[in-house]
Each structure stands twice: as C-alpha cells, then as structure tokens.
N, C-alpha and C. Protein backbone atom coordinates (compact mmCIF):
# COMPACT_ATOMS: atom_id res chain seq x y z
N UNK A 1 -2.94 73.23 226.30
CA UNK A 1 -3.54 73.62 227.56
C UNK A 1 -5.00 73.99 227.31
N UNK A 2 -5.91 73.39 228.06
CA UNK A 2 -7.32 73.72 227.86
C UNK A 2 -7.62 75.14 228.32
N UNK A 3 -8.62 75.70 227.74
CA UNK A 3 -9.05 77.04 228.14
C UNK A 3 -9.90 76.89 229.39
N UNK A 4 -9.63 77.72 230.38
CA UNK A 4 -10.38 77.66 231.63
C UNK A 4 -11.24 78.91 231.75
N UNK A 5 -12.53 78.71 231.83
CA UNK A 5 -13.46 79.80 232.05
C UNK A 5 -14.37 79.39 233.19
N UNK A 6 -13.84 79.46 234.40
CA UNK A 6 -14.61 78.96 235.51
C UNK A 6 -15.54 80.00 236.12
N UNK A 7 -15.33 81.28 235.83
CA UNK A 7 -16.21 82.33 236.34
C UNK A 7 -15.87 83.62 235.62
N UNK A 8 -16.52 84.68 235.98
CA UNK A 8 -16.27 86.01 235.42
C UNK A 8 -16.62 86.08 233.94
N UNK A 9 -17.65 85.40 233.59
CA UNK A 9 -18.22 85.69 232.30
C UNK A 9 -19.67 86.03 232.55
N UNK A 10 -20.10 87.03 231.89
CA UNK A 10 -21.45 87.50 232.08
C UNK A 10 -22.14 87.50 230.74
N UNK A 11 -23.35 87.10 230.74
CA UNK A 11 -24.09 87.17 229.49
C UNK A 11 -25.44 87.80 229.77
N UNK A 12 -26.02 88.27 228.71
CA UNK A 12 -27.32 88.88 228.86
C UNK A 12 -27.99 88.98 227.51
N UNK A 13 -29.28 88.93 227.52
CA UNK A 13 -30.03 89.23 226.31
C UNK A 13 -30.21 90.73 226.29
N UNK A 14 -30.01 91.30 225.14
CA UNK A 14 -30.19 92.73 224.98
C UNK A 14 -31.67 92.97 224.77
N UNK A 15 -32.32 93.41 225.81
CA UNK A 15 -33.77 93.57 225.78
C UNK A 15 -34.18 94.78 224.95
N UNK A 16 -35.41 94.77 224.57
CA UNK A 16 -35.94 95.90 223.82
C UNK A 16 -35.61 95.79 222.34
N UNK A 17 -36.21 96.64 221.57
CA UNK A 17 -35.98 96.64 220.14
C UNK A 17 -35.25 97.91 219.76
N UNK A 18 -34.43 97.80 218.81
CA UNK A 18 -33.68 98.95 218.33
C UNK A 18 -33.86 99.04 216.83
N UNK A 19 -34.10 100.24 216.35
CA UNK A 19 -34.22 100.45 214.90
C UNK A 19 -32.95 99.98 214.22
N UNK A 20 -31.81 100.18 214.87
CA UNK A 20 -30.55 99.79 214.25
C UNK A 20 -30.49 98.28 214.05
N UNK A 21 -30.87 97.49 215.06
CA UNK A 21 -30.80 96.04 214.89
C UNK A 21 -31.85 95.54 213.91
N UNK A 22 -33.00 96.17 213.86
CA UNK A 22 -34.05 95.73 212.96
C UNK A 22 -33.78 96.12 211.51
N UNK A 23 -32.96 97.12 211.28
CA UNK A 23 -32.63 97.53 209.92
C UNK A 23 -31.45 96.78 209.34
N UNK A 24 -31.00 95.71 210.00
CA UNK A 24 -29.84 94.96 209.54
C UNK A 24 -30.24 93.58 209.01
N UNK A 25 -31.46 93.42 208.58
CA UNK A 25 -31.98 92.11 208.20
C UNK A 25 -31.08 91.39 207.21
N UNK A 26 -30.65 92.03 206.15
CA UNK A 26 -29.81 91.38 205.15
C UNK A 26 -28.38 91.91 205.16
N UNK A 27 -27.94 92.36 206.30
CA UNK A 27 -26.65 93.00 206.40
C UNK A 27 -25.68 92.12 207.19
N UNK A 28 -24.44 92.02 206.70
CA UNK A 28 -23.42 91.31 207.44
C UNK A 28 -23.04 92.09 208.69
N UNK A 29 -22.57 91.39 209.69
CA UNK A 29 -22.22 92.02 210.96
C UNK A 29 -21.19 93.12 210.79
N UNK A 30 -20.31 92.97 209.80
CA UNK A 30 -19.25 93.97 209.60
C UNK A 30 -19.80 95.32 209.18
N UNK A 31 -21.06 95.36 208.77
CA UNK A 31 -21.67 96.63 208.35
C UNK A 31 -22.56 97.25 209.41
N UNK A 32 -22.65 96.61 210.57
CA UNK A 32 -23.51 97.12 211.64
C UNK A 32 -23.04 98.48 212.14
N UNK A 33 -21.72 98.62 212.29
CA UNK A 33 -21.14 99.88 212.73
C UNK A 33 -20.58 100.63 211.54
N UNK A 34 -20.73 101.94 211.56
CA UNK A 34 -20.11 102.77 210.52
C UNK A 34 -18.60 102.73 210.69
N UNK A 35 -17.89 103.18 209.68
CA UNK A 35 -16.42 103.25 209.77
C UNK A 35 -16.01 104.11 210.96
N UNK A 36 -16.70 105.21 211.15
CA UNK A 36 -16.41 106.10 212.27
C UNK A 36 -16.62 105.39 213.61
N UNK A 37 -17.71 104.62 213.72
CA UNK A 37 -17.97 103.89 214.96
C UNK A 37 -16.93 102.80 215.19
N UNK A 38 -16.56 102.08 214.13
CA UNK A 38 -15.51 101.06 214.27
C UNK A 38 -14.21 101.69 214.76
N UNK A 39 -13.86 102.84 214.18
CA UNK A 39 -12.64 103.53 214.60
C UNK A 39 -12.72 103.96 216.07
N UNK A 40 -13.89 104.39 216.49
CA UNK A 40 -14.09 104.81 217.88
C UNK A 40 -13.90 103.62 218.83
N UNK A 41 -14.39 102.46 218.45
CA UNK A 41 -14.25 101.26 219.28
C UNK A 41 -12.78 100.83 219.35
N UNK A 42 -12.11 100.80 218.21
CA UNK A 42 -10.69 100.43 218.18
C UNK A 42 -9.86 101.43 218.99
N UNK A 43 -10.17 102.70 218.87
CA UNK A 43 -9.45 103.72 219.65
C UNK A 43 -9.65 103.52 221.14
N UNK A 44 -10.85 103.11 221.54
CA UNK A 44 -11.11 102.84 222.96
C UNK A 44 -10.27 101.67 223.45
N UNK A 45 -10.12 100.64 222.61
CA UNK A 45 -9.28 99.50 222.98
C UNK A 45 -7.83 99.96 223.13
N UNK A 46 -7.33 100.69 222.16
CA UNK A 46 -5.95 101.17 222.21
C UNK A 46 -5.71 102.02 223.45
N UNK A 47 -6.65 102.90 223.76
CA UNK A 47 -6.51 103.77 224.93
C UNK A 47 -6.56 102.96 226.23
N UNK A 48 -7.49 102.01 226.31
CA UNK A 48 -7.61 101.19 227.52
C UNK A 48 -6.33 100.38 227.75
N UNK A 49 -5.74 99.89 226.67
CA UNK A 49 -4.55 99.06 226.81
C UNK A 49 -3.30 99.87 227.14
N UNK A 50 -3.39 101.19 227.14
CA UNK A 50 -2.27 102.03 227.61
C UNK A 50 -2.16 102.00 229.13
N UNK A 51 -3.23 101.57 229.79
CA UNK A 51 -3.26 101.52 231.25
C UNK A 51 -3.03 100.14 231.82
N UNK A 52 -3.07 99.12 230.97
CA UNK A 52 -3.02 97.75 231.46
C UNK A 52 -2.29 96.85 230.46
N UNK A 53 -1.72 95.78 230.98
CA UNK A 53 -1.14 94.76 230.09
C UNK A 53 -2.23 93.82 229.60
N UNK A 54 -3.45 93.97 230.10
CA UNK A 54 -4.59 93.17 229.64
C UNK A 54 -4.85 93.42 228.16
N UNK A 55 -5.40 92.42 227.51
CA UNK A 55 -5.70 92.48 226.08
C UNK A 55 -7.21 92.42 225.88
N UNK A 56 -7.74 93.38 225.16
CA UNK A 56 -9.18 93.49 224.95
C UNK A 56 -9.50 93.28 223.49
N UNK A 57 -10.52 92.47 223.23
CA UNK A 57 -11.00 92.25 221.87
C UNK A 57 -12.51 92.43 221.84
N UNK A 58 -13.02 92.77 220.67
CA UNK A 58 -14.46 92.86 220.42
C UNK A 58 -14.78 91.98 219.23
N UNK A 59 -15.80 91.15 219.38
CA UNK A 59 -16.25 90.30 218.28
C UNK A 59 -17.74 90.53 218.07
N UNK A 60 -18.10 90.79 216.82
CA UNK A 60 -19.50 91.05 216.45
C UNK A 60 -19.93 90.02 215.41
N UNK A 61 -21.08 89.43 215.62
CA UNK A 61 -21.68 88.56 214.61
C UNK A 61 -23.19 88.73 214.66
N UNK A 62 -23.83 88.25 213.64
CA UNK A 62 -25.29 88.40 213.59
C UNK A 62 -26.00 87.42 214.51
N UNK A 63 -25.62 86.15 214.42
CA UNK A 63 -26.33 85.10 215.14
C UNK A 63 -25.42 84.35 216.08
N UNK A 64 -25.96 84.01 217.22
CA UNK A 64 -25.26 83.20 218.21
C UNK A 64 -25.66 81.75 217.93
N UNK A 65 -24.72 80.96 217.48
CA UNK A 65 -25.01 79.62 216.99
C UNK A 65 -25.27 78.59 218.10
N UNK A 66 -25.01 78.96 219.33
CA UNK A 66 -25.26 78.10 220.48
C UNK A 66 -25.50 78.99 221.69
N UNK A 67 -25.54 78.41 222.87
CA UNK A 67 -25.71 79.22 224.07
C UNK A 67 -24.63 80.30 224.07
N UNK A 68 -24.97 81.51 224.49
CA UNK A 68 -24.09 82.67 224.31
C UNK A 68 -22.71 82.49 224.95
N UNK A 69 -22.63 81.92 226.13
CA UNK A 69 -21.32 81.75 226.76
C UNK A 69 -20.49 80.70 226.03
N UNK A 70 -21.13 79.66 225.54
CA UNK A 70 -20.41 78.65 224.76
C UNK A 70 -19.88 79.26 223.47
N UNK A 71 -20.69 80.08 222.81
CA UNK A 71 -20.26 80.72 221.57
C UNK A 71 -19.13 81.71 221.84
N UNK A 72 -19.24 82.47 222.93
CA UNK A 72 -18.18 83.42 223.28
C UNK A 72 -16.87 82.67 223.57
N UNK A 73 -16.96 81.53 224.24
CA UNK A 73 -15.76 80.72 224.51
C UNK A 73 -15.14 80.23 223.21
N UNK A 74 -15.97 79.82 222.28
CA UNK A 74 -15.49 79.34 220.98
C UNK A 74 -14.76 80.47 220.24
N UNK A 75 -15.35 81.66 220.25
CA UNK A 75 -14.72 82.82 219.60
C UNK A 75 -13.42 83.17 220.31
N UNK A 76 -13.44 83.17 221.64
CA UNK A 76 -12.24 83.46 222.44
C UNK A 76 -11.09 82.56 222.00
N UNK A 77 -11.40 81.28 221.87
CA UNK A 77 -10.39 80.31 221.46
C UNK A 77 -9.94 80.54 220.01
N UNK A 78 -10.88 80.78 219.11
CA UNK A 78 -10.52 80.97 217.70
C UNK A 78 -9.67 82.22 217.49
N UNK A 79 -9.84 83.21 218.36
CA UNK A 79 -9.03 84.43 218.30
C UNK A 79 -7.70 84.25 219.04
N UNK A 80 -7.49 83.06 219.60
CA UNK A 80 -6.26 82.72 220.33
C UNK A 80 -6.01 83.66 221.51
N UNK A 81 -7.09 84.07 222.13
CA UNK A 81 -6.99 84.99 223.25
C UNK A 81 -6.40 84.33 224.49
N UNK A 82 -6.46 83.02 224.55
CA UNK A 82 -5.91 82.28 225.68
C UNK A 82 -4.38 82.12 225.59
N UNK A 83 -3.78 82.66 224.55
CA UNK A 83 -2.34 82.52 224.35
C UNK A 83 -1.55 83.74 224.82
N UNK A 84 -2.19 84.66 225.53
CA UNK A 84 -1.43 85.79 226.07
C UNK A 84 -0.56 85.29 227.22
N UNK A 85 0.55 85.95 227.41
CA UNK A 85 1.52 85.51 228.43
C UNK A 85 0.90 85.43 229.82
N UNK A 86 0.12 86.42 230.20
CA UNK A 86 -0.46 86.46 231.54
C UNK A 86 -1.89 85.92 231.59
N UNK A 87 -2.38 85.41 230.46
CA UNK A 87 -3.76 84.89 230.37
C UNK A 87 -4.74 85.96 230.85
N UNK A 88 -4.57 87.19 230.31
CA UNK A 88 -5.38 88.32 230.76
C UNK A 88 -6.16 88.97 229.63
N UNK A 89 -6.71 88.14 228.76
CA UNK A 89 -7.54 88.63 227.68
C UNK A 89 -8.99 88.80 228.11
N UNK A 90 -9.65 89.78 227.49
CA UNK A 90 -11.07 90.04 227.74
C UNK A 90 -11.76 90.14 226.40
N UNK A 91 -12.86 89.41 226.23
CA UNK A 91 -13.65 89.46 225.01
C UNK A 91 -15.01 90.07 225.28
N UNK A 92 -15.36 91.06 224.46
CA UNK A 92 -16.73 91.58 224.41
C UNK A 92 -17.36 90.93 223.19
N UNK A 93 -18.33 90.05 223.42
CA UNK A 93 -18.98 89.30 222.35
C UNK A 93 -20.41 89.83 222.18
N UNK A 94 -20.79 90.14 220.93
CA UNK A 94 -22.15 90.61 220.66
C UNK A 94 -22.70 89.88 219.44
N UNK A 95 -23.88 89.27 219.60
CA UNK A 95 -24.64 88.70 218.48
C UNK A 95 -25.81 89.64 218.24
N UNK A 96 -25.70 90.44 217.20
CA UNK A 96 -26.62 91.55 216.96
C UNK A 96 -28.07 91.10 216.79
N UNK A 97 -28.31 90.25 215.82
CA UNK A 97 -29.69 89.89 215.50
C UNK A 97 -30.33 89.02 216.57
N UNK A 98 -29.52 88.24 217.28
CA UNK A 98 -30.04 87.43 218.37
C UNK A 98 -30.09 88.19 219.69
N UNK A 99 -29.58 89.43 219.68
CA UNK A 99 -29.57 90.29 220.87
C UNK A 99 -28.94 89.59 222.07
N UNK A 100 -27.73 89.05 221.84
CA UNK A 100 -26.99 88.37 222.90
C UNK A 100 -25.66 89.08 223.12
N UNK A 101 -25.20 89.07 224.36
CA UNK A 101 -24.00 89.80 224.75
C UNK A 101 -23.29 89.03 225.87
N UNK A 102 -21.97 89.00 225.81
CA UNK A 102 -21.19 88.38 226.89
C UNK A 102 -19.86 89.10 227.03
N UNK A 103 -19.37 89.13 228.26
CA UNK A 103 -18.01 89.57 228.55
C UNK A 103 -17.31 88.34 229.10
N UNK A 104 -16.16 88.04 228.54
CA UNK A 104 -15.44 86.84 228.93
C UNK A 104 -14.01 87.20 229.30
N UNK A 105 -13.59 86.83 230.50
CA UNK A 105 -12.23 87.07 230.94
C UNK A 105 -11.46 85.76 231.05
N UNK A 106 -10.18 85.79 230.74
CA UNK A 106 -9.35 84.59 230.77
C UNK A 106 -8.99 84.19 232.20
N UNK A 107 -8.42 83.02 232.34
CA UNK A 107 -8.13 82.43 233.64
C UNK A 107 -7.18 83.28 234.49
N UNK A 108 -6.25 83.98 233.86
CA UNK A 108 -5.33 84.84 234.62
C UNK A 108 -6.06 85.93 235.38
N UNK A 109 -7.12 86.43 234.78
CA UNK A 109 -7.96 87.43 235.44
C UNK A 109 -8.80 86.75 236.51
N UNK A 110 -9.42 85.65 236.14
CA UNK A 110 -10.34 84.95 237.03
C UNK A 110 -9.69 84.52 238.34
N UNK A 111 -8.39 84.23 238.31
CA UNK A 111 -7.70 83.79 239.52
C UNK A 111 -7.46 84.93 240.51
N UNK A 112 -7.59 86.17 240.05
CA UNK A 112 -7.23 87.32 240.89
C UNK A 112 -8.40 88.18 241.35
N UNK A 113 -9.51 88.13 240.65
CA UNK A 113 -10.58 89.09 240.91
C UNK A 113 -11.77 88.45 241.61
N UNK A 114 -12.62 89.29 242.16
CA UNK A 114 -13.82 88.81 242.85
C UNK A 114 -14.87 88.35 241.85
N UNK A 115 -15.84 87.61 242.35
CA UNK A 115 -16.89 87.06 241.49
C UNK A 115 -17.72 88.12 240.79
N UNK A 116 -17.83 89.30 241.39
CA UNK A 116 -18.66 90.35 240.81
C UNK A 116 -17.84 91.36 239.98
N UNK A 117 -16.62 90.98 239.62
CA UNK A 117 -15.69 91.87 238.93
C UNK A 117 -16.30 92.55 237.71
N UNK A 118 -17.06 91.83 236.89
CA UNK A 118 -17.58 92.36 235.63
C UNK A 118 -18.99 92.94 235.75
N UNK A 119 -19.62 92.85 236.91
CA UNK A 119 -21.01 93.28 237.04
C UNK A 119 -21.23 94.74 236.64
N UNK A 120 -20.39 95.64 237.11
CA UNK A 120 -20.55 97.06 236.79
C UNK A 120 -20.36 97.30 235.30
N UNK A 121 -19.34 96.68 234.73
CA UNK A 121 -19.08 96.85 233.29
C UNK A 121 -20.27 96.35 232.48
N UNK A 122 -20.79 95.20 232.85
CA UNK A 122 -21.96 94.64 232.15
C UNK A 122 -23.13 95.62 232.22
N UNK A 123 -23.39 96.17 233.39
CA UNK A 123 -24.51 97.11 233.55
C UNK A 123 -24.32 98.36 232.69
N UNK A 124 -23.11 98.88 232.67
CA UNK A 124 -22.83 100.08 231.85
C UNK A 124 -23.10 99.81 230.38
N UNK A 125 -22.62 98.67 229.90
CA UNK A 125 -22.79 98.31 228.49
C UNK A 125 -24.27 98.10 228.17
N UNK A 126 -24.95 97.33 228.99
CA UNK A 126 -26.36 97.02 228.71
C UNK A 126 -27.25 98.26 228.75
N UNK A 127 -26.96 99.19 229.64
CA UNK A 127 -27.75 100.43 229.68
C UNK A 127 -27.67 101.15 228.34
N UNK A 128 -26.47 101.22 227.77
CA UNK A 128 -26.29 101.88 226.47
C UNK A 128 -26.95 101.06 225.35
N UNK A 129 -26.76 99.74 225.39
CA UNK A 129 -27.35 98.88 224.37
C UNK A 129 -28.88 99.02 224.36
N UNK A 130 -29.48 99.01 225.53
CA UNK A 130 -30.94 99.10 225.63
C UNK A 130 -31.46 100.42 225.09
N UNK A 131 -30.62 101.45 225.11
CA UNK A 131 -30.99 102.75 224.56
C UNK A 131 -30.67 102.83 223.07
N UNK A 132 -30.15 101.74 222.50
CA UNK A 132 -29.82 101.71 221.08
C UNK A 132 -28.45 102.27 220.75
N UNK A 133 -27.65 102.55 221.76
CA UNK A 133 -26.31 103.12 221.55
C UNK A 133 -25.25 102.02 221.65
N UNK A 134 -25.15 101.23 220.60
CA UNK A 134 -24.28 100.06 220.63
C UNK A 134 -22.80 100.44 220.64
N UNK A 135 -22.41 101.39 219.84
CA UNK A 135 -21.02 101.84 219.82
C UNK A 135 -20.64 102.41 221.18
N UNK A 136 -21.45 103.30 221.70
CA UNK A 136 -21.17 103.91 223.00
C UNK A 136 -21.15 102.86 224.12
N UNK A 137 -22.00 101.86 224.01
CA UNK A 137 -22.00 100.79 225.00
C UNK A 137 -20.68 100.05 225.02
N UNK A 138 -20.18 99.69 223.83
CA UNK A 138 -18.89 99.00 223.78
C UNK A 138 -17.75 99.89 224.25
N UNK A 139 -17.75 101.14 223.82
CA UNK A 139 -16.70 102.06 224.24
C UNK A 139 -16.70 102.21 225.77
N UNK A 140 -17.86 102.39 226.35
CA UNK A 140 -17.97 102.52 227.80
C UNK A 140 -17.48 101.26 228.50
N UNK A 141 -17.88 100.11 227.99
CA UNK A 141 -17.45 98.83 228.58
C UNK A 141 -15.95 98.63 228.47
N UNK A 142 -15.39 98.97 227.33
CA UNK A 142 -13.94 98.84 227.12
C UNK A 142 -13.18 99.75 228.08
N UNK A 143 -13.65 100.98 228.21
CA UNK A 143 -13.01 101.92 229.16
C UNK A 143 -13.08 101.39 230.58
N UNK A 144 -14.22 100.86 230.96
CA UNK A 144 -14.40 100.31 232.31
C UNK A 144 -13.47 99.11 232.52
N UNK A 145 -13.40 98.22 231.54
CA UNK A 145 -12.53 97.04 231.64
C UNK A 145 -11.07 97.47 231.79
N UNK A 146 -10.64 98.43 230.99
CA UNK A 146 -9.26 98.91 231.09
C UNK A 146 -8.96 99.48 232.46
N UNK A 147 -9.89 100.26 233.00
CA UNK A 147 -9.69 100.85 234.32
C UNK A 147 -9.63 99.79 235.42
N UNK A 148 -10.47 98.77 235.31
CA UNK A 148 -10.47 97.71 236.32
C UNK A 148 -9.23 96.82 236.21
N UNK A 149 -8.83 96.53 234.98
CA UNK A 149 -7.68 95.63 234.79
C UNK A 149 -6.36 96.24 235.24
N UNK A 150 -6.26 97.56 235.19
CA UNK A 150 -4.96 98.17 235.54
C UNK A 150 -4.58 97.90 236.99
N UNK A 151 -5.54 97.64 237.86
CA UNK A 151 -5.24 97.30 239.25
C UNK A 151 -4.50 95.97 239.34
N UNK A 152 -4.90 95.00 238.54
CA UNK A 152 -4.34 93.66 238.61
C UNK A 152 -3.25 93.42 237.57
N UNK A 153 -3.35 94.13 236.45
CA UNK A 153 -2.41 93.97 235.34
C UNK A 153 -1.98 95.35 234.85
N UNK A 154 -1.18 96.06 235.65
CA UNK A 154 -0.77 97.40 235.23
C UNK A 154 0.08 97.34 233.96
N UNK A 155 0.06 98.42 233.23
CA UNK A 155 0.88 98.53 232.02
C UNK A 155 2.35 98.46 232.40
N UNK A 156 3.12 97.72 231.64
CA UNK A 156 4.56 97.59 231.87
C UNK A 156 5.32 98.29 230.74
N UNK A 157 6.46 98.85 231.06
CA UNK A 157 7.26 99.55 230.04
C UNK A 157 7.61 98.66 228.86
N UNK A 158 7.80 97.37 229.13
CA UNK A 158 8.16 96.44 228.06
C UNK A 158 6.95 95.71 227.48
N UNK A 159 5.75 96.20 227.78
CA UNK A 159 4.52 95.56 227.31
C UNK A 159 4.46 95.56 225.79
N UNK A 160 4.05 94.42 225.24
CA UNK A 160 3.80 94.34 223.81
C UNK A 160 2.33 94.04 223.60
N UNK A 161 1.79 94.51 222.51
CA UNK A 161 0.40 94.25 222.17
C UNK A 161 0.32 92.84 221.60
N UNK A 162 -0.17 91.91 222.40
CA UNK A 162 -0.18 90.51 222.02
C UNK A 162 -1.31 90.13 221.07
N UNK A 163 -2.38 90.91 221.07
CA UNK A 163 -3.54 90.61 220.24
C UNK A 163 -3.94 91.85 219.44
N UNK A 164 -4.51 91.62 218.31
CA UNK A 164 -4.99 92.72 217.47
C UNK A 164 -6.04 93.53 218.22
N UNK A 165 -6.04 94.82 217.98
CA UNK A 165 -7.06 95.69 218.55
C UNK A 165 -8.27 95.83 217.62
N UNK A 166 -8.17 95.28 216.43
CA UNK A 166 -9.25 95.39 215.46
C UNK A 166 -10.46 94.57 215.89
N UNK A 167 -11.62 95.00 215.50
CA UNK A 167 -12.85 94.26 215.75
C UNK A 167 -12.86 93.05 214.83
N UNK A 168 -13.26 91.91 215.36
CA UNK A 168 -13.43 90.73 214.51
C UNK A 168 -14.93 90.54 214.26
N UNK A 169 -15.23 89.93 213.14
CA UNK A 169 -16.64 89.76 212.74
C UNK A 169 -16.90 88.32 212.37
N UNK A 170 -18.12 87.86 212.69
CA UNK A 170 -18.54 86.53 212.27
C UNK A 170 -18.86 86.54 210.78
N UNK A 171 -18.96 85.37 210.22
CA UNK A 171 -19.18 85.25 208.77
C UNK A 171 -20.63 84.94 208.42
N UNK A 172 -21.51 84.96 209.38
CA UNK A 172 -22.91 84.58 209.13
C UNK A 172 -23.64 85.66 208.41
C-alpha cells in the first residue's frame, strides 16, 4: 500500500542562528541533545500517547538530503510509521544543520482533521526553536500533538504501543 501524504504536513526553515546548532559542526545528530534532553523528549512522547492511540516519533539528522517534506516522507516510511493499524502516526522531523523542520501526519489523521490541524503545533515548536530551545520546542509540540490527537484517536484500554518512543537519528 503506498503511503499517502496528501495534506497536513508542515515544514519550515528554522530561522535565526543558534549557538547550539553552530557548535555541532563535527558532531553527529545523536549528540545534539544531552542524555537528559533525550529522556525529556521520550517522556513527552510516552505521556502524550497515554491520551491517544496515535503514535508519535521524533527523527533528528544533521542534513536534509532533499526537499524537507520529501525527506520527512522517506524517514516516515523507513520507520514504518505507515504500518500502524489506524494509520495515525505523527513524525517530528528536524535537520539540525540545515535548519529544516516538518511535522508529518499519516493518512488516517489526514482523512479526519481540518487543513489547519497542525498550524498551532508548528507555531509552538518554531517559537521555541527560534529562541534556541530545541528540546523544549519538541516537548511542546509533542504535548500539543497528543492533546489534538486524543479528540480523533482517543486512548483505548487495549491500546498497544505500535512504534518505538525512542528518538531516531540520521547517520550523516
């Protein structure tokens, strides 16, 4: 089954300069966040998924190898996010050094929500990113996504965690 991403993906260039992004010149993406920050992001995913059957993932890499939405779609597919039962996966994609960001929702979400569904979440994340608070930006976005998804995909007693809550990293 092909992956359908007909709407509800938002991308943006992370404007401005951040000491954190500029100090990562020879650093792999997996080292961008401290262990404490990684734990905070994973905890936010776990907490958000207590309210919804939606599945949230975060992927961090240094460089976006193609147009940001195309790259986010490629990552979405490689993480097998389109294989959830309700097709309700959400990817937060960040290319640190290229200052690119996207939120991508699967077709199950796209069929139910309005065109502006992710606008508020995107704004919340970008405001934090522009201030150099990348961890807080992701945590805020994850919390917002969880709160929005619970309306359409409420948590079920028999819900299983279909996707890892761990952050995935690019190899560049």
